[in-house]
Amino acid sequence: MSWQNLLIALTAAFLLALLLFLIWWWRSAMTRTEAVAQLRLLGIEIVLLPGRLRRMAADERVPRRTRWWMIGLAVYIASPIDLIPDFIPVIGFADELVIVPLVLWHIRRMIPADVWLEYFPPRQRSGAAPAERTDELEDGESRSGGGDAVRG
């Protein structure tokens, strides 16, 4: 597959994802304010993800194999060596956009449900305002820090 074909395929995939998101938004009957609130909640969840995964990896109930998968994912994300080098415009980060969610899905399947729910409680289905959920930041996590603060 040539470079141009790959770029076209990735652009088409992005536009399809955007179209699916817009269809979901329209069919869910959310107002614009509710959709923005949901996206903010999702952003908060993404900021909390590394700290939650780190604490989960320290939990003894998590299988050792799962911990190795978590370590491997962290090394892959931090490593400058990728399947597609990051310095290539547009598609440089495409491998992370595919591999990271797939590995996280695999990790999720290996973790017992009770342990997962302890670290990742289900989100509220109502259009809760982001201000109501930001108080769930765990100990030592700031809104900008993502949980790397030193605990005292």
N, C-alpha and C. Protein backbone atom coordinates (compact mmCIF):
# COMPACT_ATOMS: atom_id res chain seq x y z
N MET A 1 0.86 -1.18 0.00
CA MET A 1 0.00 0.00 0.00
C MET A 1 0.90 1.24 0.00
N SER A 2 0.63 2.14 -0.89
CA SER A 2 1.47 3.33 -0.98
C SER A 2 1.11 4.31 0.14
N TRP A 3 1.99 5.27 0.30
CA TRP A 3 1.85 6.30 1.33
C TRP A 3 0.55 7.07 1.16
N GLN A 4 0.25 7.46 -0.08
CA GLN A 4 -0.95 8.25 -0.34
C GLN A 4 -2.22 7.44 -0.05
N ASN A 5 -2.23 6.17 -0.42
CA ASN A 5 -3.40 5.34 -0.15
C ASN A 5 -3.63 5.19 1.35
N LEU A 6 -2.55 5.04 2.11
CA LEU A 6 -2.67 4.93 3.56
C LEU A 6 -3.22 6.21 4.16
N LEU A 7 -2.74 7.35 3.68
CA LEU A 7 -3.22 8.64 4.15
C LEU A 7 -4.71 8.82 3.83
N ILE A 8 -5.10 8.42 2.64
CA ILE A 8 -6.51 8.51 2.25
C ILE A 8 -7.36 7.58 3.12
N ALA A 9 -6.88 6.38 3.38
CA ALA A 9 -7.62 5.43 4.21
C ALA A 9 -7.78 5.96 5.64
N LEU A 10 -6.73 6.54 6.20
CA LEU A 10 -6.82 7.08 7.55
C LEU A 10 -7.76 8.28 7.61
N THR A 11 -7.71 9.13 6.60
CA THR A 11 -8.63 10.27 6.54
C THR A 11 -10.07 9.79 6.44
N ALA A 12 -10.30 8.78 5.62
CA ALA A 12 -11.65 8.23 5.48
C ALA A 12 -12.12 7.61 6.80
N ALA A 13 -11.22 6.93 7.50
CA ALA A 13 -11.58 6.33 8.80
C ALA A 13 -11.92 7.42 9.81
N PHE A 14 -11.17 8.50 9.81
CA PHE A 14 -11.45 9.61 10.72
C PHE A 14 -12.80 10.23 10.40
N LEU A 15 -13.08 10.48 9.14
CA LEU A 15 -14.36 11.07 8.75
C LEU A 15 -15.53 10.13 9.08
N LEU A 16 -15.32 8.83 8.92
CA LEU A 16 -16.36 7.87 9.28
C LEU A 16 -16.61 7.89 10.79
N ALA A 17 -15.54 7.95 11.58
CA ALA A 17 -15.70 8.04 13.04
C ALA A 17 -16.44 9.31 13.43
N LEU A 18 -16.12 10.41 12.78
CA LEU A 18 -16.80 11.67 13.05
C LEU A 18 -18.28 11.57 12.68
N LEU A 19 -18.57 10.97 11.54
CA LEU A 19 -19.95 10.79 11.11
C LEU A 19 -20.71 9.91 12.10
N LEU A 20 -20.10 8.81 12.55
CA LEU A 20 -20.75 7.94 13.52
C LEU A 20 -21.01 8.67 14.84
N PHE A 21 -20.06 9.51 15.26
CA PHE A 21 -20.26 10.30 16.47
C PHE A 21 -21.43 11.26 16.30
N LEU A 22 -21.52 11.92 15.17
CA LEU A 22 -22.62 12.85 14.94
C LEU A 22 -23.97 12.13 14.89
N ILE A 23 -24.00 10.94 14.29
CA ILE A 23 -25.24 10.16 14.25
C ILE A 23 -25.63 9.74 15.65
N TRP A 24 -24.65 9.29 16.44
CA TRP A 24 -24.94 8.91 17.83
C TRP A 24 -25.49 10.08 18.61
N TRP A 25 -24.88 11.25 18.44
CA TRP A 25 -25.31 12.44 19.15
C TRP A 25 -26.75 12.79 18.77
N TRP A 26 -27.04 12.75 17.48
CA TRP A 26 -28.36 13.09 16.99
C TRP A 26 -29.40 12.08 17.50
N ARG A 27 -29.09 10.77 17.46
CA ARG A 27 -30.03 9.74 17.87
C ARG A 27 -30.20 9.68 19.38
N SER A 28 -29.21 10.15 20.13
CA SER A 28 -29.33 10.09 21.59
C SER A 28 -30.20 11.21 22.13
N ALA A 29 -30.62 12.11 21.28
CA ALA A 29 -31.49 13.23 21.66
C ALA A 29 -30.87 14.10 22.74
N MET A 30 -29.56 14.23 22.71
CA MET A 30 -28.87 15.11 23.66
C MET A 30 -28.91 16.54 23.14
N THR A 31 -29.03 17.43 24.07
CA THR A 31 -28.87 18.83 23.69
C THR A 31 -27.39 19.10 23.53
N ARG A 32 -27.06 20.22 22.97
CA ARG A 32 -25.66 20.57 22.79
C ARG A 32 -24.96 20.66 24.14
N THR A 33 -25.64 21.21 25.14
CA THR A 33 -25.06 21.35 26.48
C THR A 33 -24.78 19.98 27.09
N GLU A 34 -25.71 19.04 26.93
CA GLU A 34 -25.50 17.69 27.46
C GLU A 34 -24.34 16.99 26.76
N ALA A 35 -24.24 17.17 25.45
CA ALA A 35 -23.14 16.55 24.71
C ALA A 35 -21.80 17.12 25.16
N VAL A 36 -21.74 18.42 25.37
CA VAL A 36 -20.50 19.04 25.85
C VAL A 36 -20.17 18.52 27.24
N ALA A 37 -21.18 18.38 28.10
CA ALA A 37 -20.95 17.84 29.44
C ALA A 37 -20.42 16.42 29.38
N GLN A 38 -20.97 15.59 28.49
CA GLN A 38 -20.50 14.22 28.33
C GLN A 38 -19.05 14.18 27.85
N LEU A 39 -18.72 15.06 26.91
CA LEU A 39 -17.33 15.10 26.42
C LEU A 39 -16.38 15.57 27.51
N ARG A 40 -16.81 16.50 28.36
CA ARG A 40 -15.97 16.93 29.47
C ARG A 40 -15.76 15.79 30.46
N LEU A 41 -16.82 15.04 30.75
CA LEU A 41 -16.69 13.88 31.63
C LEU A 41 -15.71 12.86 31.05
N LEU A 42 -15.81 12.65 29.76
CA LEU A 42 -14.89 11.73 29.10
C LEU A 42 -13.46 12.24 29.22
N GLY A 43 -13.26 13.54 29.07
CA GLY A 43 -11.92 14.12 29.23
C GLY A 43 -11.38 13.92 30.63
N ILE A 44 -12.24 14.06 31.64
CA ILE A 44 -11.82 13.85 33.02
C ILE A 44 -11.44 12.38 33.22
N GLU A 45 -12.24 11.48 32.65
CA GLU A 45 -11.93 10.06 32.76
C GLU A 45 -10.58 9.74 32.12
N ILE A 46 -10.27 10.36 31.00
CA ILE A 46 -9.00 10.11 30.32
C ILE A 46 -7.84 10.63 31.16
N VAL A 47 -8.03 11.77 31.83
CA VAL A 47 -6.98 12.31 32.70
C VAL A 47 -6.76 11.38 33.90
N LEU A 48 -7.82 10.78 34.43
CA LEU A 48 -7.71 9.90 35.59
C LEU A 48 -7.19 8.50 35.23
N LEU A 49 -7.24 8.12 33.97
CA LEU A 49 -6.89 6.77 33.55
C LEU A 49 -5.51 6.31 33.98
N PRO A 50 -4.43 7.06 33.74
CA PRO A 50 -3.10 6.55 34.14
C PRO A 50 -2.98 6.28 35.63
N GLY A 51 -3.50 7.16 36.46
CA GLY A 51 -3.42 6.95 37.91
C GLY A 51 -4.23 5.74 38.35
N ARG A 52 -5.40 5.57 37.78
CA ARG A 52 -6.22 4.42 38.12
C ARG A 52 -5.56 3.11 37.70
N LEU A 53 -4.98 3.09 36.50
CA LEU A 53 -4.29 1.89 36.03
C LEU A 53 -3.08 1.58 36.90
N ARG A 54 -2.37 2.62 37.34
CA ARG A 54 -1.20 2.41 38.19
C ARG A 54 -1.62 1.81 39.53
N ARG A 55 -2.68 2.34 40.14
CA ARG A 55 -3.16 1.79 41.41
C ARG A 55 -3.71 0.38 41.23
N MET A 56 -4.36 0.13 40.10
CA MET A 56 -4.89 -1.20 39.84
C MET A 56 -3.75 -2.21 39.68
N ALA A 57 -2.67 -1.80 39.03
CA ALA A 57 -1.53 -2.70 38.85
C ALA A 57 -0.90 -3.07 40.19
N ALA A 58 -1.01 -2.19 41.18
CA ALA A 58 -0.46 -2.47 42.51
C ALA A 58 -1.39 -3.37 43.33
N ASP A 59 -2.61 -3.55 42.90
CA ASP A 59 -3.57 -4.37 43.63
C ASP A 59 -3.21 -5.85 43.46
N GLU A 60 -3.17 -6.58 44.55
CA GLU A 60 -2.78 -7.99 44.50
C GLU A 60 -3.82 -8.88 43.83
N ARG A 61 -5.05 -8.41 43.70
CA ARG A 61 -6.09 -9.21 43.07
C ARG A 61 -5.97 -9.22 41.55
N VAL A 62 -5.15 -8.34 40.99
CA VAL A 62 -4.96 -8.28 39.54
C VAL A 62 -3.95 -9.35 39.15
N PRO A 63 -4.27 -10.19 38.17
CA PRO A 63 -3.33 -11.25 37.76
C PRO A 63 -2.00 -10.69 37.28
N ARG A 64 -0.94 -11.44 37.53
CA ARG A 64 0.41 -11.01 37.14
C ARG A 64 0.51 -10.79 35.63
N ARG A 65 -0.13 -11.66 34.86
CA ARG A 65 -0.10 -11.51 33.40
C ARG A 65 -0.65 -10.15 32.98
N THR A 66 -1.70 -9.71 33.66
CA THR A 66 -2.31 -8.41 33.35
C THR A 66 -1.34 -7.29 33.66
N ARG A 67 -0.62 -7.42 34.76
CA ARG A 67 0.39 -6.40 35.10
C ARG A 67 1.46 -6.30 34.02
N TRP A 68 1.88 -7.44 33.48
CA TRP A 68 2.86 -7.42 32.40
C TRP A 68 2.31 -6.72 31.16
N TRP A 69 1.04 -6.95 30.87
CA TRP A 69 0.42 -6.25 29.75
C TRP A 69 0.41 -4.75 29.99
N MET A 70 0.10 -4.33 31.23
CA MET A 70 0.10 -2.90 31.56
C MET A 70 1.50 -2.30 31.41
N ILE A 71 2.50 -3.01 31.89
CA ILE A 71 3.88 -2.52 31.77
C ILE A 71 4.27 -2.42 30.30
N GLY A 72 3.93 -3.45 29.53
CA GLY A 72 4.24 -3.44 28.11
C GLY A 72 3.57 -2.27 27.38
N LEU A 73 2.32 -1.99 27.74
CA LEU A 73 1.61 -0.86 27.13
C LEU A 73 2.29 0.46 27.49
N ALA A 74 2.66 0.62 28.75
CA ALA A 74 3.32 1.85 29.18
C ALA A 74 4.65 2.03 28.46
N VAL A 75 5.41 0.95 28.31
CA VAL A 75 6.69 1.03 27.59
C VAL A 75 6.44 1.38 26.12
N TYR A 76 5.43 0.76 25.52
CA TYR A 76 5.14 1.05 24.11
C TYR A 76 4.75 2.52 23.90
N ILE A 77 3.94 3.05 24.81
CA ILE A 77 3.51 4.44 24.69
C ILE A 77 4.70 5.38 24.87
N ALA A 78 5.57 5.08 25.83
CA ALA A 78 6.70 5.96 26.12
C ALA A 78 7.86 5.79 25.13
N SER A 79 7.91 4.66 24.47
CA SER A 79 9.04 4.37 23.58
C SER A 79 8.96 5.19 22.29
N PRO A 80 10.10 5.71 21.85
CA PRO A 80 10.11 6.42 20.57
C PRO A 80 10.07 5.46 19.37
N ILE A 81 10.25 4.18 19.62
CA ILE A 81 10.24 3.19 18.55
C ILE A 81 8.82 2.65 18.43
N ASP A 82 8.19 2.89 17.30
CA ASP A 82 6.80 2.48 17.06
C ASP A 82 6.71 1.71 15.75
N LEU A 83 5.53 1.14 15.51
CA LEU A 83 5.28 0.51 14.23
C LEU A 83 5.36 1.54 13.11
N ILE A 84 4.77 2.71 13.36
CA ILE A 84 4.84 3.85 12.44
C ILE A 84 5.50 4.98 13.21
N PRO A 85 6.67 5.46 12.77
CA PRO A 85 7.37 6.50 13.53
C PRO A 85 6.50 7.74 13.73
N ASP A 86 6.58 8.33 14.94
CA ASP A 86 5.74 9.46 15.30
C ASP A 86 6.06 10.74 14.52
N PHE A 87 7.23 10.82 13.92
CA PHE A 87 7.57 12.05 13.21
C PHE A 87 6.90 12.15 11.84
N ILE A 88 6.26 11.08 11.38
CA ILE A 88 5.54 11.12 10.10
C ILE A 88 4.23 11.85 10.34
N PRO A 89 3.97 12.93 9.59
CA PRO A 89 2.75 13.71 9.83
C PRO A 89 1.48 12.87 9.64
N VAL A 90 0.49 13.20 10.40
CA VAL A 90 -0.85 12.65 10.37
C VAL A 90 -0.91 11.19 10.83
N ILE A 91 -0.16 10.30 10.19
CA ILE A 91 -0.28 8.89 10.53
C ILE A 91 0.72 8.45 11.59
N GLY A 92 1.57 9.35 12.06
CA GLY A 92 2.59 8.99 13.04
C GLY A 92 2.02 8.47 14.34
N PHE A 93 0.91 9.01 14.76
CA PHE A 93 0.30 8.57 16.02
C PHE A 93 -0.86 7.60 15.78
N ALA A 94 -1.07 7.20 14.54
CA ALA A 94 -2.19 6.31 14.23
C ALA A 94 -2.02 4.94 14.88
N ASP A 95 -0.78 4.46 14.99
CA ASP A 95 -0.60 3.16 15.61
C ASP A 95 -1.01 3.19 17.08
N GLU A 96 -0.72 4.29 17.79
CA GLU A 96 -1.16 4.40 19.18
C GLU A 96 -2.68 4.49 19.28
N LEU A 97 -3.31 5.16 18.32
CA LEU A 97 -4.76 5.29 18.34
C LEU A 97 -5.46 3.95 18.13
N VAL A 98 -4.77 3.00 17.55
CA VAL A 98 -5.35 1.68 17.34
C VAL A 98 -4.90 0.70 18.42
N ILE A 99 -3.60 0.64 18.69
CA ILE A 99 -3.04 -0.35 19.60
C ILE A 99 -3.45 -0.11 21.05
N VAL A 100 -3.40 1.14 21.52
CA VAL A 100 -3.69 1.43 22.93
C VAL A 100 -5.13 1.02 23.30
N PRO A 101 -6.16 1.40 22.57
CA PRO A 101 -7.51 0.93 22.94
C PRO A 101 -7.66 -0.59 22.87
N LEU A 102 -7.02 -1.23 21.89
CA LEU A 102 -7.11 -2.69 21.80
C LEU A 102 -6.46 -3.37 22.99
N VAL A 103 -5.29 -2.89 23.40
CA VAL A 103 -4.61 -3.48 24.55
C VAL A 103 -5.38 -3.19 25.83
N LEU A 104 -5.93 -1.98 25.97
CA LEU A 104 -6.74 -1.67 27.15
C LEU A 104 -7.99 -2.56 27.20
N TRP A 105 -8.58 -2.84 26.07
CA TRP A 105 -9.73 -3.73 26.02
C TRP A 105 -9.32 -5.14 26.47
N HIS A 106 -8.15 -5.59 26.01
CA HIS A 106 -7.64 -6.91 26.40
C HIS A 106 -7.35 -6.95 27.90
N ILE A 107 -6.74 -5.90 28.43
CA ILE A 107 -6.46 -5.81 29.86
C ILE A 107 -7.76 -5.85 30.64
N ARG A 108 -8.76 -5.13 30.18
CA ARG A 108 -10.05 -5.10 30.86
C ARG A 108 -10.66 -6.49 30.96
N ARG A 109 -10.52 -7.28 29.92
CA ARG A 109 -11.07 -8.64 29.91
C ARG A 109 -10.34 -9.56 30.88
N MET A 110 -9.10 -9.29 31.23
CA MET A 110 -8.33 -10.15 32.13
C MET A 110 -8.54 -9.82 33.61
N ILE A 111 -9.08 -8.64 33.90
CA ILE A 111 -9.24 -8.20 35.28
C ILE A 111 -10.60 -8.63 35.81
N PRO A 112 -10.65 -9.21 37.03
CA PRO A 112 -11.95 -9.59 37.61
C PRO A 112 -12.89 -8.38 37.70
N ALA A 113 -14.18 -8.64 37.51
CA ALA A 113 -15.17 -7.57 37.45
C ALA A 113 -15.23 -6.74 38.73
N ASP A 114 -15.12 -7.39 39.89
CA ASP A 114 -15.21 -6.63 41.14
C ASP A 114 -14.03 -5.68 41.31
N VAL A 115 -12.85 -6.10 40.86
CA VAL A 115 -11.67 -5.23 40.94
C VAL A 115 -11.84 -4.06 39.97
N TRP A 116 -12.31 -4.35 38.77
CA TRP A 116 -12.49 -3.29 37.78
C TRP A 116 -13.48 -2.23 38.28
N LEU A 117 -14.60 -2.68 38.83
CA LEU A 117 -15.62 -1.74 39.31
C LEU A 117 -15.12 -0.92 40.50
N GLU A 118 -14.19 -1.44 41.26
CA GLU A 118 -13.63 -0.68 42.37
C GLU A 118 -12.83 0.52 41.87
N TYR A 119 -12.11 0.34 40.79
CA TYR A 119 -11.27 1.42 40.24
C TYR A 119 -11.98 2.24 39.17
N PHE A 120 -12.94 1.64 38.49
CA PHE A 120 -13.67 2.32 37.42
C PHE A 120 -15.17 2.17 37.66
N PRO A 121 -15.73 2.98 38.59
CA PRO A 121 -17.18 2.88 38.82
C PRO A 121 -17.94 3.31 37.57
N PRO A 122 -19.12 2.74 37.36
CA PRO A 122 -19.88 3.10 36.15
C PRO A 122 -20.24 4.58 36.14
N ARG A 123 -20.21 5.15 34.93
CA ARG A 123 -20.58 6.56 34.79
C ARG A 123 -22.08 6.71 34.90
N GLN A 124 -22.49 7.90 35.34
CA GLN A 124 -23.92 8.19 35.42
C GLN A 124 -24.46 8.40 34.02
N ARG A 125 -25.65 7.88 33.77
CA ARG A 125 -26.27 8.03 32.45
C ARG A 125 -26.95 9.38 32.29
N SER A 126 -27.31 10.02 33.41
CA SER A 126 -27.96 11.32 33.31
C SER A 126 -26.91 12.34 32.87
N GLY A 127 -27.35 13.45 32.36
CA GLY A 127 -26.45 14.49 31.89
C GLY A 127 -25.88 15.30 33.04
N ALA A 128 -25.18 14.64 33.94
CA ALA A 128 -24.60 15.32 35.10
C ALA A 128 -23.58 16.34 34.64
N ALA A 129 -23.62 17.47 35.26
CA ALA A 129 -22.68 18.54 34.91
C ALA A 129 -21.28 18.13 35.33
N PRO A 130 -20.25 18.55 34.60
CA PRO A 130 -18.88 18.19 34.94
C PRO A 130 -18.49 18.62 36.34
N ALA A 131 -19.06 19.72 36.84
CA ALA A 131 -18.69 20.20 38.17
C ALA A 131 -19.10 19.19 39.24
N GLU A 132 -20.15 18.41 38.98
CA GLU A 132 -20.59 17.42 39.95
C GLU A 132 -19.65 16.23 40.02
N ARG A 133 -18.94 15.93 38.96
CA ARG A 133 -18.09 14.76 38.89
C ARG A 133 -16.63 15.05 39.19
N THR A 134 -16.19 16.29 39.12
CA THR A 134 -14.78 16.59 39.30
C THR A 134 -14.34 16.38 40.73
N ASP A 135 -15.29 16.30 41.68
CA ASP A 135 -14.90 16.04 43.05
C ASP A 135 -14.50 14.58 43.25
N GLU A 136 -14.60 13.75 42.20
CA GLU A 136 -14.18 12.36 42.28
C GLU A 136 -12.69 12.20 42.02
N LEU A 137 -11.97 13.30 41.83
CA LEU A 137 -10.54 13.18 41.64
C LEU A 137 -9.95 12.49 42.85
N GLU A 138 -9.17 11.45 42.60
CA GLU A 138 -8.65 10.68 43.70
C GLU A 138 -7.56 11.42 44.44
N ASP A 139 -7.22 10.92 45.63
CA ASP A 139 -6.22 11.55 46.47
C ASP A 139 -4.95 11.81 45.69
N GLY A 140 -4.46 13.03 45.78
CA GLY A 140 -3.20 13.39 45.13
C GLY A 140 -3.32 13.73 43.66
N GLU A 141 -4.49 13.63 43.09
CA GLU A 141 -4.64 13.93 41.67
C GLU A 141 -5.20 15.33 41.52
N SER A 142 -4.56 16.09 40.69
CA SER A 142 -5.07 17.42 40.38
C SER A 142 -5.69 17.37 39.00
N ARG A 143 -6.43 18.38 38.64
CA ARG A 143 -7.08 18.40 37.33
C ARG A 143 -6.06 18.49 36.21
N SER A 144 -4.90 19.01 36.50
CA SER A 144 -3.90 19.13 35.43
C SER A 144 -2.81 18.10 35.56
N GLY A 145 -2.68 17.45 36.71
CA GLY A 145 -1.56 16.56 36.95
C GLY A 145 -1.79 15.11 36.58
N GLY A 146 -3.00 14.63 36.68
CA GLY A 146 -3.30 13.27 36.30
C GLY A 146 -2.84 12.23 37.30
N GLY A 147 -2.55 12.62 38.56
CA GLY A 147 -2.28 11.62 39.56
C GLY A 147 -0.83 11.38 39.86
N ASP A 148 0.07 12.19 39.36
CA ASP A 148 1.48 11.98 39.61
C ASP A 148 1.99 12.75 40.80
N ALA A 149 1.11 13.37 41.54
CA ALA A 149 1.52 14.15 42.70
C ALA A 149 2.01 13.22 43.81
N VAL A 150 2.92 13.71 44.61
CA VAL A 150 3.46 12.93 45.72
C VAL A 150 2.47 13.00 46.87
N ARG A 151 2.18 11.85 47.42
CA ARG A 151 1.24 11.79 48.53
C ARG A 151 1.99 11.90 49.83
N GLY A 152 1.38 12.63 50.78
CA GLY A 152 2.09 12.85 52.04
C GLY A 152 1.49 12.28 53.22
